[in-house]
């Protein structure tokens, strides 16, 4: 499902979604298609889900026109790249 469709179905709310299609542009992840897992009722529930999210699953608010996230790399420690 495209992000514009998610925004129409769930206006002004947090949603738990899974990344289905994305691309990296200049160090940012631009998500084009997602699978909605479920809408979240409030900020506390969104925070709880965010702390448990992993892999391609994340929490995002539908107030945003696009899903764009900065990619952060893990630092290397003692010559080991993680």
C-alpha atoms as a PDB file:
ATOM      1  CA  UNK A   1       0.000   0.000   0.000  1.00  0.00           C
ATOM      2  CA  UNK A   2       1.318   3.437  -0.847  1.00  0.00           C
ATOM      3  CA  UNK A   3       1.842   5.937   1.990  1.00  0.00           C
ATOM      4  CA  UNK A   4      -0.780   8.319   0.554  1.00  0.00           C
ATOM      5  CA  UNK A   5      -3.385   5.549   0.921  1.00  0.00           C
ATOM      6  CA  UNK A   6      -2.348   4.910   4.533  1.00  0.00           C
ATOM      7  CA  UNK A   7      -2.726   8.621   5.269  1.00  0.00           C
ATOM      8  CA  UNK A   8      -6.266   8.596   3.855  1.00  0.00           C
ATOM      9  CA  UNK A   9      -7.309   5.495   5.800  1.00  0.00           C
ATOM     10  CA  UNK A  10      -5.735   6.573   9.121  1.00  0.00           C
ATOM     11  CA  UNK A  11      -5.635  10.386   9.284  1.00  0.00           C
ATOM     12  CA  UNK A  12      -3.592  12.000  12.081  1.00  0.00           C
ATOM     13  CA  UNK A  13      -2.593   8.788  13.836  1.00  0.00           C
ATOM     14  CA  UNK A  14       0.421   6.615  14.572  1.00  0.00           C
ATOM     15  CA  UNK A  15       0.559   3.369  12.598  1.00  0.00           C
ATOM     16  CA  UNK A  16       2.666   0.244  12.974  1.00  0.00           C
ATOM     17  CA  UNK A  17       3.845  -0.705   9.496  1.00  0.00           C
ATOM     18  CA  UNK A  18       6.230  -2.998   7.655  1.00  0.00           C
ATOM     19  CA  UNK A  19       8.464  -1.678   4.884  1.00  0.00           C
ATOM     20  CA  UNK A  20       7.593  -3.398   1.599  1.00  0.00           C
ATOM     21  CA  UNK A  21       9.460  -1.244  -0.920  1.00  0.00           C
ATOM     22  CA  UNK A  22      12.065   1.455  -0.338  1.00  0.00           C
ATOM     23  CA  UNK A  23      15.227   3.000  -1.694  1.00  0.00           C
ATOM     24  CA  UNK A  24      18.239   4.774  -0.220  1.00  0.00           C
ATOM     25  CA  UNK A  25      18.937   8.293  -1.486  1.00  0.00           C
ATOM     26  CA  UNK A  26      21.784  10.382  -0.037  1.00  0.00           C
ATOM     27  CA  UNK A  27      21.868   8.515   3.266  1.00  0.00           C
ATOM     28  CA  UNK A  28      18.093   8.562   3.729  1.00  0.00           C
ATOM     29  CA  UNK A  29      15.653   5.684   3.462  1.00  0.00           C
ATOM     30  CA  UNK A  30      12.662   6.670   1.306  1.00  0.00           C
ATOM     31  CA  UNK A  31       9.835   4.192   1.890  1.00  0.00           C
ATOM     32  CA  UNK A  32       7.446   3.880  -1.041  1.00  0.00           C
ATOM     33  CA  UNK A  33       5.143   1.032  -0.012  1.00  0.00           C
ATOM     34  CA  UNK A  34       4.184  -0.372   3.379  1.00  0.00           C
ATOM     35  CA  UNK A  35       1.947  -3.044   4.863  1.00  0.00           C
ATOM     36  CA  UNK A  36      -0.139  -1.674   7.720  1.00  0.00           C
ATOM     37  CA  UNK A  37      -0.011  -3.951  10.738  1.00  0.00           C
ATOM     38  CA  UNK A  38      -2.373  -1.815  12.821  1.00  0.00           C
ATOM     39  CA  UNK A  39      -3.162   1.749  13.859  1.00  0.00           C
ATOM     40  CA  UNK A  40      -2.004   2.811  17.328  1.00  0.00           C
ATOM     41  CA  UNK A  41      -4.348   4.568  19.739  1.00  0.00           C
ATOM     42  CA  UNK A  42      -2.020   7.017  21.487  1.00  0.00           C
ATOM     43  CA  UNK A  43       1.552   8.170  21.933  1.00  0.00           C
ATOM     44  CA  UNK A  44       2.264   5.735  24.771  1.00  0.00           C
ATOM     45  CA  UNK A  45       1.219   2.745  22.683  1.00  0.00           C
ATOM     46  CA  UNK A  46       3.303   4.117  19.790  1.00  0.00           C
ATOM     47  CA  UNK A  47       6.355   4.400  22.058  1.00  0.00           C
ATOM     48  CA  UNK A  48       5.885   0.852  23.359  1.00  0.00           C
ATOM     49  CA  UNK A  49       5.629  -0.536  19.827  1.00  0.00           C
ATOM     50  CA  UNK A  50       8.606   1.537  18.684  1.00  0.00           C
ATOM     51  CA  UNK A  51      10.773   0.023  21.417  1.00  0.00           C
ATOM     52  CA  UNK A  52       9.793  -3.484  20.263  1.00  0.00           C
ATOM     53  CA  UNK A  53      10.074  -2.773  16.527  1.00  0.00           C
ATOM     54  CA  UNK A  54      12.882  -4.452  14.592  1.00  0.00           C
ATOM     55  CA  UNK A  55      13.900  -5.211  11.030  1.00  0.00           C
ATOM     56  CA  UNK A  56      11.492  -3.713   8.529  1.00  0.00           C
ATOM     57  CA  UNK A  57       8.798  -2.931  11.104  1.00  0.00           C
ATOM     58  CA  UNK A  58       8.497   0.632  12.384  1.00  0.00           C
ATOM     59  CA  UNK A  59       6.092   3.228  13.780  1.00  0.00           C
ATOM     60  CA  UNK A  60       5.284   6.386  11.834  1.00  0.00           C
ATOM     61  CA  UNK A  61       2.715   9.189  12.084  1.00  0.00           C
ATOM     62  CA  UNK A  62       0.407   9.943   9.183  1.00  0.00           C
ATOM     63  CA  UNK A  63       0.875  13.703   9.539  1.00  0.00           C
ATOM     64  CA  UNK A  64       4.016  13.278   7.403  1.00  0.00           C
ATOM     65  CA  UNK A  65       3.615  13.557   3.630  1.00  0.00           C
ATOM     66  CA  UNK A  66       6.375  11.015   2.969  1.00  0.00           C
ATOM     67  CA  UNK A  67       8.180   8.302   4.898  1.00  0.00           C
ATOM     68  CA  UNK A  68      11.807   9.419   4.987  1.00  0.00           C
ATOM     69  CA  UNK A  69      14.265   8.259   7.648  1.00  0.00           C
ATOM     70  CA  UNK A  70      17.915   9.099   8.173  1.00  0.00           C
ATOM     71  CA  UNK A  71      20.140   6.024   8.034  1.00  0.00           C
ATOM     72  CA  UNK A  72      22.527   5.879  10.961  1.00  0.00           C
ATOM     73  CA  UNK A  73      25.479   3.555  10.817  1.00  0.00           C
ATOM     74  CA  UNK A  74      26.824   1.822  13.882  1.00  0.00           C
ATOM     75  CA  UNK A  75      30.316   2.976  14.821  1.00  0.00           C
ATOM     76  CA  UNK A  76      33.257   0.605  14.626  1.00  0.00           C
ATOM     77  CA  UNK A  77      34.883  -0.435  17.893  1.00  0.00           C
ATOM     78  CA  UNK A  78      38.507  -1.550  18.034  1.00  0.00           C
ATOM     79  CA  UNK A  79      38.655  -2.215  14.327  1.00  0.00           C
ATOM     80  CA  UNK A  80      35.439  -4.242  14.227  1.00  0.00           C
ATOM     81  CA  UNK A  81      32.688  -2.970  11.959  1.00  0.00           C
ATOM     82  CA  UNK A  82      29.247  -3.907  13.202  1.00  0.00           C
END
